[in-house]
Structure formats: structure tokens, C-alpha cells
Amino acid sequence: MKFSIATIAGFAIAISAASLPAAFTLVGDGGETVLTDGTNAYVGGDTDKNHEILILRSGSNGMISFTSKNSTPTGFQNLYIIPNTVEPIALTVPHSGATPKGASSNNFGVNDEGYFTHNGNAYFAKDGYGESKVKELYWYGEHSSEYEAANLYVKECKGC
């Protein structure tokens, strides 16, 4: 069997590409750990009775899951975005994989710079430029001047 140089180069790129750790958190610009209220993702807040650190687990086909510290082990939720829109990064309802029409819950990853991606794109943003310390995170699938770009770094969570 013969392989072209392009085919061999493609294999080398696929092998050397960064991959998501088994368990990880996301960290925004300025070192802000991403939190969740069990429905959406936020930066700039503190953990409290309504917000906990968003500890994610990678699965097959780039699927990402989250299990709240207050949930049963089977109460996991899947992370999803809605491509070609500006909508909040969201989690499914516990015990359900149901997502809105057009949502994508697979093809998440990490690029060579360590940014969290979907289909290889790190198109994430945070809610506006207002005074609020806590900012909701969005998938930035189309342009909108109401949102500020947000890099989300993947940080391995050992012992999670």
C-alpha cells in the first residue's frame, strides 16, 4: 500500500493534535474559572449555593459531560452549543440528552494553543461590556457587537 506525502502529513497532524484530558475545567482570560448554575456557564463569579465549578469530562466524538456535585452519578448533563448563532453555552437537563433543534453536543476539543474549541473553532464570547462582574458565556457563531471575545483555556483536573 502506498501513501502520498499529503496523506502521511495528514496522519502526522492528526496524531500531534492536542486532545482533551479525561477531566478538565475551563479558565477564562484573567484566570477566571468557569462556573455553572446547572444550566449555563459563567466567568467572574464565586462559588456559592447556586454556582459551582464547571468540571467537564471528555467522551467519544468530542462529547462533553458535566455531573453536578449535588447530583447522582447518573444525573450527568451534556454540554452543547447552537452553531451559526450567538446563544449561551448550555447543559442538557440531568438524565436527558435532549437538545434544542440545531444544537451540537459533539466535536468539542482543544487546539494547540490550549483553547477550548468546537469543530476546531474557539468562537466563545462573554455577555457584553456592562458593569456586572459575572458574565454569561456564549457560542459566538455569528457577529454581534454586544459580546466580548472570551478565550477559554482547557485546564486538566487531576483527581476529579
C-alpha atoms as a PDB file:
ATOM      1  CA  MET A   1       0.000   0.000   0.000  1.00  0.00           C
ATOM      2  CA  LYS A   2       1.403   3.393  -0.997  1.00  0.00           C
ATOM      3  CA  PHE A   3       0.642   6.661   0.781  1.00  0.00           C
ATOM      4  CA  SER A   4       1.162  10.110  -0.686  1.00  0.00           C
ATOM      5  CA  ILE A   5       3.154  12.737   1.195  1.00  0.00           C
ATOM      6  CA  ALA A   6      -0.118  14.628   1.819  1.00  0.00           C
ATOM      7  CA  THR A   7      -1.677  11.529   3.400  1.00  0.00           C
ATOM      8  CA  ILE A   8       1.334  10.950   5.641  1.00  0.00           C
ATOM      9  CA  ALA A   9       1.359  14.641   6.641  1.00  0.00           C
ATOM     10  CA  GLY A  10      -2.354  14.389   7.477  1.00  0.00           C
ATOM     11  CA  PHE A  11      -1.705  11.406   9.757  1.00  0.00           C
ATOM     12  CA  ALA A  12       1.136  13.274  11.473  1.00  0.00           C
ATOM     13  CA  ILE A  13      -1.062  16.318  12.096  1.00  0.00           C
ATOM     14  CA  ALA A  14      -3.889  14.163  13.482  1.00  0.00           C
ATOM     15  CA  ILE A  15      -1.507  12.325  15.805  1.00  0.00           C
ATOM     16  CA  SER A  16       0.174  15.511  17.058  1.00  0.00           C
ATOM     17  CA  ALA A  17      -3.060  17.493  17.582  1.00  0.00           C
ATOM     18  CA  ALA A  18      -3.908  18.309  21.180  1.00  0.00           C
ATOM     19  CA  SER A  19      -6.632  16.243  22.811  1.00  0.00           C
ATOM     20  CA  LEU A  20      -8.937  16.942  25.717  1.00  0.00           C
ATOM     21  CA  PRO A  21      -7.978  15.452  29.078  1.00  0.00           C
ATOM     22  CA  ALA A  22     -10.390  12.976  30.698  1.00  0.00           C
ATOM     23  CA  ALA A  23     -11.485  15.611  33.256  1.00  0.00           C
ATOM     24  CA  PHE A  24     -10.928  19.349  32.966  1.00  0.00           C
ATOM     25  CA  THR A  25     -12.116  22.824  33.827  1.00  0.00           C
ATOM     26  CA  LEU A  26     -12.210  25.921  31.672  1.00  0.00           C
ATOM     27  CA  VAL A  27     -10.394  29.106  32.612  1.00  0.00           C
ATOM     28  CA  GLY A  28     -11.255  32.460  31.067  1.00  0.00           C
ATOM     29  CA  ASP A  29      -8.999  35.415  30.369  1.00  0.00           C
ATOM     30  CA  GLY A  30      -7.512  36.781  33.578  1.00  0.00           C
ATOM     31  CA  GLY A  31      -7.574  33.362  35.262  1.00  0.00           C
ATOM     32  CA  GLU A  32     -11.313  33.275  35.970  1.00  0.00           C
ATOM     33  CA  THR A  33     -12.534  29.703  36.478  1.00  0.00           C
ATOM     34  CA  VAL A  34     -15.728  28.933  34.574  1.00  0.00           C
ATOM     35  CA  LEU A  35     -18.726  28.249  36.822  1.00  0.00           C
ATOM     36  CA  THR A  36     -22.190  26.864  36.170  1.00  0.00           C
ATOM     37  CA  ASP A  37     -25.646  27.209  37.648  1.00  0.00           C
ATOM     38  CA  GLY A  38     -26.523  23.788  36.189  1.00  0.00           C
ATOM     39  CA  THR A  39     -27.897  25.320  33.001  1.00  0.00           C
ATOM     40  CA  ASN A  40     -25.318  27.757  31.573  1.00  0.00           C
ATOM     41  CA  ALA A  41     -21.658  28.774  32.031  1.00  0.00           C
ATOM     42  CA  TYR A  42     -20.254  31.965  33.602  1.00  0.00           C
ATOM     43  CA  VAL A  43     -16.975  33.738  34.415  1.00  0.00           C
ATOM     44  CA  GLY A  44     -16.280  36.355  37.056  1.00  0.00           C
ATOM     45  CA  GLY A  45     -18.322  34.913  39.882  1.00  0.00           C
ATOM     46  CA  ASP A  46     -17.694  33.000  43.065  1.00  0.00           C
ATOM     47  CA  THR A  47     -18.832  29.531  44.020  1.00  0.00           C
ATOM     48  CA  ASP A  48     -21.913  29.637  46.227  1.00  0.00           C
ATOM     49  CA  LYS A  49     -25.093  27.618  46.750  1.00  0.00           C
ATOM     50  CA  ASN A  50     -26.181  28.433  43.171  1.00  0.00           C
ATOM     51  CA  HIS A  51     -22.844  28.203  41.295  1.00  0.00           C
ATOM     52  CA  GLU A  52     -20.161  25.533  41.206  1.00  0.00           C
ATOM     53  CA  ILE A  53     -17.009  24.985  39.178  1.00  0.00           C
ATOM     54  CA  LEU A  54     -17.829  23.531  35.770  1.00  0.00           C
ATOM     55  CA  ILE A  55     -15.822  20.285  35.888  1.00  0.00           C
ATOM     56  CA  LEU A  56     -16.161  18.620  32.498  1.00  0.00           C
ATOM     57  CA  ARG A  57     -15.425  15.112  31.249  1.00  0.00           C
ATOM     58  CA  SER A  58     -14.495  14.300  27.685  1.00  0.00           C
ATOM     59  CA  GLY A  59     -16.157  11.452  25.825  1.00  0.00           C
ATOM     60  CA  SER A  60     -16.223   9.910  22.384  1.00  0.00           C
ATOM     61  CA  ASN A  61     -16.781  12.045  19.276  1.00  0.00           C
ATOM     62  CA  GLY A  62     -15.898  15.189  21.216  1.00  0.00           C
ATOM     63  CA  MET A  63     -18.899  14.920  23.539  1.00  0.00           C
ATOM     64  CA  ILE A  64     -18.531  16.706  26.873  1.00  0.00           C
ATOM     65  CA  SER A  65     -20.436  15.915  30.062  1.00  0.00           C
ATOM     66  CA  PHE A  66     -20.893  17.517  33.465  1.00  0.00           C
ATOM     67  CA  THR A  67     -22.188  15.984  36.695  1.00  0.00           C
ATOM     68  CA  SER A  68     -23.102  18.394  39.470  1.00  0.00           C
ATOM     69  CA  LYS A  69     -21.610  17.749  42.892  1.00  0.00           C
ATOM     70  CA  ASN A  70     -25.238  17.700  44.128  1.00  0.00           C
ATOM     71  CA  SER A  71     -26.416  15.115  41.583  1.00  0.00           C
ATOM     72  CA  THR A  72     -26.466  11.347  41.446  1.00  0.00           C
ATOM     73  CA  PRO A  73     -23.787   9.726  39.237  1.00  0.00           C
ATOM     74  CA  THR A  74     -26.431   9.070  36.569  1.00  0.00           C
ATOM     75  CA  GLY A  75     -27.530  12.724  36.588  1.00  0.00           C
ATOM     76  CA  PHE A  76     -24.898  13.807  34.095  1.00  0.00           C
ATOM     77  CA  GLN A  77     -25.596  16.577  31.591  1.00  0.00           C
ATOM     78  CA  ASN A  78     -24.190  17.140  28.097  1.00  0.00           C
ATOM     79  CA  LEU A  79     -22.648  20.431  27.038  1.00  0.00           C
ATOM     80  CA  TYR A  80     -23.993  21.886  23.788  1.00  0.00           C
ATOM     81  CA  ILE A  81     -23.882  24.964  21.577  1.00  0.00           C
ATOM     82  CA  ILE A  82     -26.064  26.079  18.685  1.00  0.00           C
ATOM     83  CA  PRO A  83     -23.813  26.718  15.653  1.00  0.00           C
ATOM     84  CA  ASN A  84     -24.304  29.804  13.448  1.00  0.00           C
ATOM     85  CA  THR A  85     -25.949  31.725  16.307  1.00  0.00           C
ATOM     86  CA  VAL A  86     -24.975  33.716  19.367  1.00  0.00           C
ATOM     87  CA  GLU A  87     -26.547  31.645  22.149  1.00  0.00           C
ATOM     88  CA  PRO A  88     -25.404  30.726  25.672  1.00  0.00           C
ATOM     89  CA  ILE A  89     -23.201  27.683  26.172  1.00  0.00           C
ATOM     90  CA  ALA A  90     -25.709  25.306  27.732  1.00  0.00           C
ATOM     91  CA  LEU A  91     -26.141  21.999  29.526  1.00  0.00           C
ATOM     92  CA  THR A  92     -28.919  19.499  28.927  1.00  0.00           C
ATOM     93  CA  VAL A  93     -31.362  18.680  31.705  1.00  0.00           C
ATOM     94  CA  PRO A  94     -29.948  15.975  34.053  1.00  0.00           C
ATOM     95  CA  HIS A  95     -30.788  12.402  32.937  1.00  0.00           C
ATOM     96  CA  SER A  96     -31.582  13.679  29.414  1.00  0.00           C
ATOM     97  CA  GLY A  97     -29.585  14.129  26.250  1.00  0.00           C
ATOM     98  CA  ALA A  98     -32.292  16.270  24.650  1.00  0.00           C
ATOM     99  CA  THR A  99     -31.054  19.447  22.968  1.00  0.00           C
ATOM    100  CA  PRO A 100     -32.822  22.210  21.035  1.00  0.00           C
ATOM    101  CA  LYS A 101     -33.208  21.898  17.268  1.00  0.00           C
ATOM    102  CA  GLY A 102     -29.901  22.551  15.502  1.00  0.00           C
ATOM    103  CA  ALA A 103     -27.767  22.134  18.639  1.00  0.00           C
ATOM    104  CA  SER A 104     -24.403  20.359  18.588  1.00  0.00           C
ATOM    105  CA  SER A 105     -23.205  18.307  21.546  1.00  0.00           C
ATOM    106  CA  ASN A 106     -20.159  16.758  19.887  1.00  0.00           C
ATOM    107  CA  ASN A 107     -16.956  17.864  18.120  1.00  0.00           C
ATOM    108  CA  PHE A 108     -15.592  19.757  21.132  1.00  0.00           C
ATOM    109  CA  GLY A 109     -11.836  19.790  21.510  1.00  0.00           C
ATOM    110  CA  VAL A 110      -8.735  21.781  22.349  1.00  0.00           C
ATOM    111  CA  ASN A 111      -6.378  23.465  19.902  1.00  0.00           C
ATOM    112  CA  ASP A 112      -2.585  23.630  20.066  1.00  0.00           C
ATOM    113  CA  GLU A 113      -2.788  26.935  21.983  1.00  0.00           C
ATOM    114  CA  GLY A 114      -4.853  25.218  24.706  1.00  0.00           C
ATOM    115  CA  TYR A 115      -8.160  26.939  23.837  1.00  0.00           C
ATOM    116  CA  PHE A 116     -11.447  25.059  24.086  1.00  0.00           C
ATOM    117  CA  THR A 117     -12.955  24.615  20.608  1.00  0.00           C
ATOM    118  CA  HIS A 118     -15.962  23.362  18.692  1.00  0.00           C
ATOM    119  CA  ASN A 119     -15.181  21.948  15.237  1.00  0.00           C
ATOM    120  CA  GLY A 120     -11.712  23.439  15.664  1.00  0.00           C
ATOM    121  CA  ASN A 121     -13.016  26.981  16.269  1.00  0.00           C
ATOM    122  CA  ALA A 122     -12.549  28.857  19.553  1.00  0.00           C
ATOM    123  CA  TYR A 123     -15.577  31.115  18.962  1.00  0.00           C
ATOM    124  CA  PHE A 124     -16.603  31.878  22.521  1.00  0.00           C
ATOM    125  CA  ALA A 125     -17.701  35.212  23.952  1.00  0.00           C
ATOM    126  CA  LYS A 126     -18.943  36.715  27.186  1.00  0.00           C
ATOM    127  CA  ASP A 127     -22.010  38.777  27.824  1.00  0.00           C
ATOM    128  CA  GLY A 128     -21.445  42.403  26.911  1.00  0.00           C
ATOM    129  CA  TYR A 129     -19.376  45.133  28.367  1.00  0.00           C
ATOM    130  CA  GLY A 130     -21.628  46.098  31.301  1.00  0.00           C
ATOM    131  CA  GLU A 131     -20.816  46.688  34.957  1.00  0.00           C
ATOM    132  CA  SER A 132     -21.772  43.217  36.185  1.00  0.00           C
ATOM    133  CA  LYS A 133     -18.826  41.190  37.496  1.00  0.00           C
ATOM    134  CA  VAL A 134     -20.461  37.900  36.449  1.00  0.00           C
ATOM    135  CA  LYS A 135     -20.561  37.348  32.679  1.00  0.00           C
ATOM    136  CA  GLU A 136     -22.503  34.599  30.914  1.00  0.00           C
ATOM    137  CA  LEU A 137     -20.568  32.664  28.245  1.00  0.00           C
ATOM    138  CA  TYR A 138     -21.828  32.298  24.683  1.00  0.00           C
ATOM    139  CA  TRP A 139     -21.042  30.461  21.483  1.00  0.00           C
ATOM    140  CA  TYR A 140     -20.168  33.257  19.063  1.00  0.00           C
ATOM    141  CA  GLY A 141     -21.315  31.669  15.803  1.00  0.00           C
ATOM    142  CA  GLU A 142     -22.173  34.955  14.099  1.00  0.00           C
ATOM    143  CA  HIS A 143     -21.143  38.568  14.624  1.00  0.00           C
ATOM    144  CA  SER A 144     -22.750  40.689  17.337  1.00  0.00           C
ATOM    145  CA  SER A 145     -21.201  43.805  18.871  1.00  0.00           C
ATOM    146  CA  GLU A 146     -22.967  43.105  22.186  1.00  0.00           C
ATOM    147  CA  TYR A 147     -20.466  40.385  23.114  1.00  0.00           C
ATOM    148  CA  GLU A 148     -16.789  40.433  24.010  1.00  0.00           C
ATOM    149  CA  ALA A 149     -14.496  37.647  22.760  1.00  0.00           C
ATOM    150  CA  ALA A 150     -13.548  35.184  25.503  1.00  0.00           C
ATOM    151  CA  ASN A 151     -10.686  32.723  25.319  1.00  0.00           C
ATOM    152  CA  LEU A 152     -11.442  29.585  27.319  1.00  0.00           C
ATOM    153  CA  TYR A 153      -8.342  27.635  28.287  1.00  0.00           C
ATOM    154  CA  VAL A 154      -8.563  23.910  28.999  1.00  0.00           C
ATOM    155  CA  LYS A 155      -7.047  23.044  32.385  1.00  0.00           C
ATOM    156  CA  GLU A 156      -6.666  19.369  33.272  1.00  0.00           C
ATOM    157  CA  CYS A 157      -8.409  18.468  36.515  1.00  0.00           C
ATOM    158  CA  LYS A 158      -6.374  15.744  38.194  1.00  0.00           C
ATOM    159  CA  GLY A 159      -8.197  13.829  40.906  1.00  0.00           C
ATOM    160  CA  CYS A 160     -11.624  14.978  39.729  1.00  0.00           C
END
